[in-house]
């Protein structure tokens, strides 16, 4: 069965750049997935009254913002279509609209119809981060975050962040298409961040993956005075990892996301592609 990946594209108030297209297509191609690009345009409810219309021309400003959002969406879809054509990746496209506060939720709802969610992140784009959080906790699908402006390259070395938890186990299962294609897999466990459910848990996972025919090694690392998110990413980059697989910790209460330390760390400072499962 062919995999299907959904790329969520932000347009308001900060839009993704066109660079997101080449990375998303490259990721889909590496796992043989079809790509579905969904643009979320802003739909601002008309809350104007006679006074605001007279003093601020609010309806006109709303129309201007919505038009700018749609224009950004069109540019992004055209960029994805061009890259998909050049990369021989099957592509479908969709354009939806949602109020500003619900744009992330709308993207998450669409992502539920696919096997994998793709989100490009940039340090100066809080809209993309909001979209990533909404999809991670609301889609029910693994979410692959990737730096928007940096070429992702070949994901031939997969690093698994393993603490024996449910979400980590879910992430390993969701990463199967990437693990099967990897030339090298490294399981890392951070031993000084929190109590772990036993000794050598990383090696135990590695052994199970070797039985499945994969090339795997394991290592225990220490975070020291670094945040857990920084420690995981720094070690992954140090050993040449191209994709980090980890559980996405956190939950949502009345739209206020409560994130685990590792999840917060990678969302705030993404240094390589990361597959998160919740």
Protein backbone atom coordinates (compact mmCIF):
# COMPACT_ATOMS: atom_id res chain seq x y z
CA UNK A 1 0.00 0.00 0.00
CA UNK A 2 1.41 3.38 -1.00
CA UNK A 3 2.06 5.87 1.78
CA UNK A 4 0.39 9.27 1.67
CA UNK A 5 1.96 12.32 3.31
CA UNK A 6 0.15 15.57 4.04
CA UNK A 7 2.03 18.87 3.88
CA UNK A 8 0.37 21.67 5.83
CA UNK A 9 1.20 25.14 4.51
CA UNK A 10 0.75 28.24 6.63
CA UNK A 11 -0.24 31.57 5.08
CA UNK A 12 -1.23 33.90 7.96
CA UNK A 13 0.02 35.84 9.77
CA UNK A 14 3.44 34.41 8.81
CA UNK A 15 3.59 32.26 5.70
CA UNK A 16 5.94 29.40 4.92
CA UNK A 17 8.58 30.20 2.32
CA UNK A 18 8.68 28.46 -1.05
CA UNK A 19 11.74 26.50 0.15
CA UNK A 20 9.37 24.26 2.09
CA UNK A 21 8.31 22.72 -1.24
CA UNK A 22 11.62 21.11 -2.22
CA UNK A 23 12.17 19.64 1.24
CA UNK A 24 8.66 18.20 1.47
CA UNK A 25 8.90 16.62 -1.96
CA UNK A 26 12.35 15.20 -1.13
CA UNK A 27 10.99 13.63 2.06
CA UNK A 28 7.99 12.13 0.31
CA UNK A 29 10.16 10.73 -2.47
CA UNK A 30 12.53 9.03 -0.02
CA UNK A 31 9.75 6.86 1.40
CA UNK A 32 7.87 6.46 -1.86
CA UNK A 33 4.90 8.48 -0.63
CA UNK A 34 2.31 10.43 -2.54
CA UNK A 35 2.07 14.03 -1.35
CA UNK A 36 -1.02 16.04 -0.51
CA UNK A 37 -0.42 19.77 -0.04
CA UNK A 38 -3.07 21.64 1.95
CA UNK A 39 -3.01 25.42 2.20
CA UNK A 40 -4.86 27.04 5.08
CA UNK A 41 -6.05 30.52 4.13
CA UNK A 42 -7.34 32.92 6.75
CA UNK A 43 -11.06 33.64 6.97
CA UNK A 44 -11.62 36.61 9.28
CA UNK A 45 -15.18 37.00 10.57
CA UNK A 46 -16.69 40.40 9.86
CA UNK A 47 -17.10 42.00 13.29
CA UNK A 48 -17.27 45.57 12.06
CA UNK A 49 -19.97 48.05 12.95
CA UNK A 50 -20.89 51.39 11.42
CA UNK A 51 -18.35 53.35 13.51
CA UNK A 52 -15.40 50.99 12.86
CA UNK A 53 -16.25 50.92 9.17
CA UNK A 54 -16.25 54.71 9.05
CA UNK A 55 -13.09 55.29 11.11
CA UNK A 56 -10.96 52.29 10.16
CA UNK A 57 -12.52 50.89 7.01
CA UNK A 58 -12.33 47.52 8.74
CA UNK A 59 -14.12 45.48 6.05
CA UNK A 60 -11.60 46.66 3.47
CA UNK A 61 -8.66 45.75 5.71
CA UNK A 62 -10.13 42.30 6.29
CA UNK A 63 -10.50 41.74 2.56
CA UNK A 64 -6.91 42.87 2.04
CA UNK A 65 -5.54 40.45 4.63
CA UNK A 66 -7.56 37.56 3.22
CA UNK A 67 -6.38 38.34 -0.30
CA UNK A 68 -2.76 38.40 0.84
CA UNK A 69 -3.24 35.04 2.55
CA UNK A 70 -4.74 33.51 -0.60
CA UNK A 71 -1.91 34.92 -2.72
CA UNK A 72 0.69 33.34 -0.42
CA UNK A 73 -1.18 30.04 -0.61
CA UNK A 74 -1.23 30.12 -4.40
CA UNK A 75 2.53 30.77 -4.52
CA UNK A 76 3.19 27.86 -2.15
CA UNK A 77 0.99 25.44 -4.09
CA UNK A 78 2.67 26.41 -7.35
CA UNK A 79 6.09 25.80 -5.78
CA UNK A 80 5.06 22.36 -4.51
CA UNK A 81 3.57 21.44 -7.89
CA UNK A 82 6.80 22.38 -9.66
CA UNK A 83 8.97 20.37 -7.27
CA UNK A 84 6.65 17.35 -7.35
CA UNK A 85 6.68 17.34 -11.14
CA UNK A 86 10.48 17.46 -11.25
CA UNK A 87 10.77 14.79 -8.57
CA UNK A 88 8.14 12.46 -10.06
CA UNK A 89 6.10 12.55 -6.86
CA UNK A 90 2.34 12.08 -7.11
CA UNK A 91 0.68 15.25 -5.87
CA UNK A 92 -2.81 16.35 -4.88
CA UNK A 93 -3.68 19.79 -3.60
CA UNK A 94 -6.30 21.37 -1.41
CA UNK A 95 -7.14 24.89 -0.28
CA UNK A 96 -9.21 25.50 2.84
CA UNK A 97 -9.99 28.53 4.99
CA UNK A 98 -10.36 28.97 8.74
CA UNK A 99 -10.57 31.76 11.33
CA UNK A 100 -7.16 32.86 12.68
CA UNK A 101 -7.51 30.98 15.98
CA UNK A 102 -8.53 27.72 14.27
CA UNK A 103 -6.08 27.53 11.37
CA UNK A 104 -3.89 24.96 13.12
CA UNK A 105 -6.92 22.86 14.06
CA UNK A 106 -8.11 22.93 10.45
CA UNK A 107 -4.73 21.65 9.28
CA UNK A 108 -4.82 18.89 11.92
CA UNK A 109 -8.27 17.76 10.80
CA UNK A 110 -7.10 17.39 7.20
CA UNK A 111 -3.96 15.53 8.30
CA UNK A 112 -6.06 12.72 9.80
CA UNK A 113 -6.75 11.35 6.32
CA UNK A 114 -3.07 10.60 5.62
CA UNK A 115 -0.26 8.42 6.97
CA UNK A 116 2.27 11.13 7.75
CA UNK A 117 2.13 14.87 8.42
CA UNK A 118 4.89 17.18 7.17
CA UNK A 119 5.52 20.63 8.64
CA UNK A 120 8.34 23.01 7.74
CA UNK A 121 9.62 25.14 10.62
CA UNK A 122 11.64 28.34 10.71
CA UNK A 123 12.87 30.04 13.87
CA UNK A 124 11.10 33.30 13.02
CA UNK A 125 7.74 31.78 12.07
CA UNK A 126 5.43 31.30 15.08
CA UNK A 127 2.55 30.43 12.74
CA UNK A 128 4.38 27.34 11.52
CA UNK A 129 5.09 26.33 15.10
CA UNK A 130 1.43 26.76 16.03
CA UNK A 131 0.52 24.57 13.08
CA UNK A 132 3.05 21.94 14.13
CA UNK A 133 1.70 21.81 17.69
CA UNK A 134 -1.90 21.54 16.52
CA UNK A 135 -1.05 18.71 14.11
CA UNK A 136 1.16 16.85 16.60
CA UNK A 137 -1.55 16.76 19.27
CA UNK A 138 -4.63 16.77 17.07
CA UNK A 139 -3.97 14.75 13.93
CA UNK A 140 -3.46 11.30 15.40
CA UNK A 141 -0.68 10.81 12.86
CA UNK A 142 3.12 10.98 13.11
CA UNK A 143 4.44 14.47 12.41
CA UNK A 144 7.71 15.02 10.59
CA UNK A 145 9.15 18.46 11.32
CA UNK A 146 11.93 19.71 9.11
CA UNK A 147 13.97 22.92 8.98
CA UNK A 148 12.35 24.97 6.26
CA UNK A 149 15.45 26.65 4.83
CA UNK A 150 17.99 23.81 5.00
CA UNK A 151 18.17 20.93 2.52
CA UNK A 152 17.13 17.78 4.35
CA UNK A 153 19.41 15.45 2.38
CA UNK A 154 19.20 11.66 2.40
CA UNK A 155 17.81 10.25 5.65
CA UNK A 156 20.20 7.28 5.68
CA UNK A 157 21.10 7.49 9.38
CA UNK A 158 18.12 7.43 11.73
CA UNK A 159 18.59 8.22 15.42
CA UNK A 160 15.97 7.00 17.88
CA UNK A 161 15.54 8.79 21.21
CA UNK A 162 14.47 5.96 23.51
CA UNK A 163 13.23 6.14 27.10
CA UNK A 164 10.99 3.07 27.10
CA UNK A 165 7.79 5.14 27.18
CA UNK A 166 4.55 4.59 25.31
CA UNK A 167 5.04 7.61 23.07
CA UNK A 168 8.61 6.54 22.24
CA UNK A 169 7.35 3.08 21.28
CA UNK A 170 4.68 4.68 19.11
CA UNK A 171 7.34 6.81 17.41
CA UNK A 172 9.48 3.76 16.59
CA UNK A 173 6.49 2.01 15.05
CA UNK A 174 5.55 5.10 13.05
CA UNK A 175 9.15 5.44 11.80
CA UNK A 176 9.12 2.05 10.11
CA UNK A 177 9.23 3.41 6.51
CA UNK A 178 12.35 5.39 7.40
CA UNK A 179 13.97 2.61 9.44
CA UNK A 180 13.54 0.09 6.62
CA UNK A 181 15.41 2.41 4.23
CA UNK A 182 18.16 3.50 6.62
CA UNK A 183 21.73 2.28 6.18
CA UNK A 184 22.38 2.92 9.86
CA UNK A 185 20.26 3.28 12.99
CA UNK A 186 21.41 4.51 16.41
CA UNK A 187 19.33 4.21 19.58
CA UNK A 188 20.22 6.80 22.22
CA UNK A 189 18.99 7.05 25.79
CA UNK A 190 19.57 10.04 28.07
CA UNK A 191 20.48 8.57 31.44
CA UNK A 192 20.62 11.68 33.64
CA UNK A 193 17.36 13.42 32.76
CA UNK A 194 14.74 11.24 34.49
CA UNK A 195 14.40 7.72 35.91
CA UNK A 196 14.36 5.08 33.17
CA UNK A 197 12.41 1.81 33.33
CA UNK A 198 15.54 -0.36 33.53
CA UNK A 199 19.18 -0.64 32.56
CA UNK A 200 20.38 -0.93 28.98
CA UNK A 201 16.92 -0.19 27.59
CA UNK A 202 18.49 1.26 24.45
CA UNK A 203 20.39 -1.93 23.75
CA UNK A 204 17.26 -3.97 24.33
CA UNK A 205 15.46 -1.99 21.63
CA UNK A 206 18.49 -2.26 19.36
CA UNK A 207 18.51 -6.03 19.71
CA UNK A 208 14.87 -6.24 18.71
CA UNK A 209 15.49 -4.12 15.64
CA UNK A 210 18.50 -6.24 14.66
CA UNK A 211 16.29 -9.34 14.77
CA UNK A 212 14.12 -7.56 12.24
CA UNK A 213 17.08 -7.33 9.90
CA UNK A 214 18.17 -3.73 10.61
CA UNK A 215 21.69 -2.42 11.28
CA UNK A 216 21.49 -0.86 14.74
CA UNK A 217 23.79 0.31 17.52
CA UNK A 218 22.96 1.86 20.88
CA UNK A 219 24.48 4.50 23.13
CA UNK A 220 23.76 6.11 26.49
CA UNK A 221 24.32 9.86 26.72
CA UNK A 222 24.12 12.56 29.39
CA UNK A 223 22.34 15.85 29.01
CA UNK A 224 24.43 17.58 31.65
CA UNK A 225 23.46 21.24 31.86
CA UNK A 226 21.80 21.19 28.44
CA UNK A 227 18.08 20.96 27.83
CA UNK A 228 16.90 17.50 26.84
CA UNK A 229 15.87 18.75 23.40
CA UNK A 230 19.28 20.30 22.80
CA UNK A 231 21.12 17.22 24.08
CA UNK A 232 19.23 14.86 21.77
CA UNK A 233 19.68 17.03 18.71
CA UNK A 234 23.33 17.85 19.39
CA UNK A 235 24.23 14.19 19.78
CA UNK A 236 22.25 13.22 16.68
CA UNK A 237 24.08 15.83 14.61
CA UNK A 238 27.43 14.88 16.16
CA UNK A 239 27.15 11.26 15.03
CA UNK A 240 25.89 12.17 11.58
CA UNK A 241 22.21 11.50 12.17
CA UNK A 242 19.87 12.70 9.44
CA UNK A 243 16.54 12.00 11.14
CA UNK A 244 15.69 11.98 14.85
CA UNK A 245 12.75 9.84 15.98
CA UNK A 246 11.15 10.62 19.33
CA UNK A 247 7.89 10.68 21.24
CA UNK A 248 5.96 13.92 21.41
CA UNK A 249 5.20 14.67 25.04
CA UNK A 250 2.41 16.97 26.08
CA UNK A 251 -1.30 17.56 25.83
CA UNK A 252 -3.80 20.32 25.18
CA UNK A 253 -6.11 21.88 27.73
CA UNK A 254 -8.63 24.35 26.33
CA UNK A 255 -6.23 25.14 23.46
CA UNK A 256 -3.29 25.86 25.76
CA UNK A 257 -0.56 23.41 24.81
CA UNK A 258 1.35 21.90 27.71
CA UNK A 259 4.58 20.54 26.26
CA UNK A 260 7.15 18.14 27.62
CA UNK A 261 10.71 19.41 27.87
CA UNK A 262 12.05 17.48 24.87
CA UNK A 263 9.13 18.48 22.67
CA UNK A 264 9.43 22.14 23.64
CA UNK A 265 13.18 22.02 22.97
CA UNK A 266 12.92 20.74 19.41
CA UNK A 267 10.02 23.01 18.48
CA UNK A 268 11.91 26.04 19.76
CA UNK A 269 15.19 25.16 18.04
CA UNK A 270 14.87 22.59 15.26
CA UNK A 271 18.28 21.50 13.96
CA UNK A 272 17.46 18.46 11.82
CA UNK A 273 14.36 16.59 10.59
CA UNK A 274 12.48 15.06 13.54
CA UNK A 275 9.69 12.51 13.46
CA UNK A 276 7.39 13.06 16.46
CA UNK A 277 4.56 10.78 17.54
CA UNK A 278 2.07 11.51 20.29
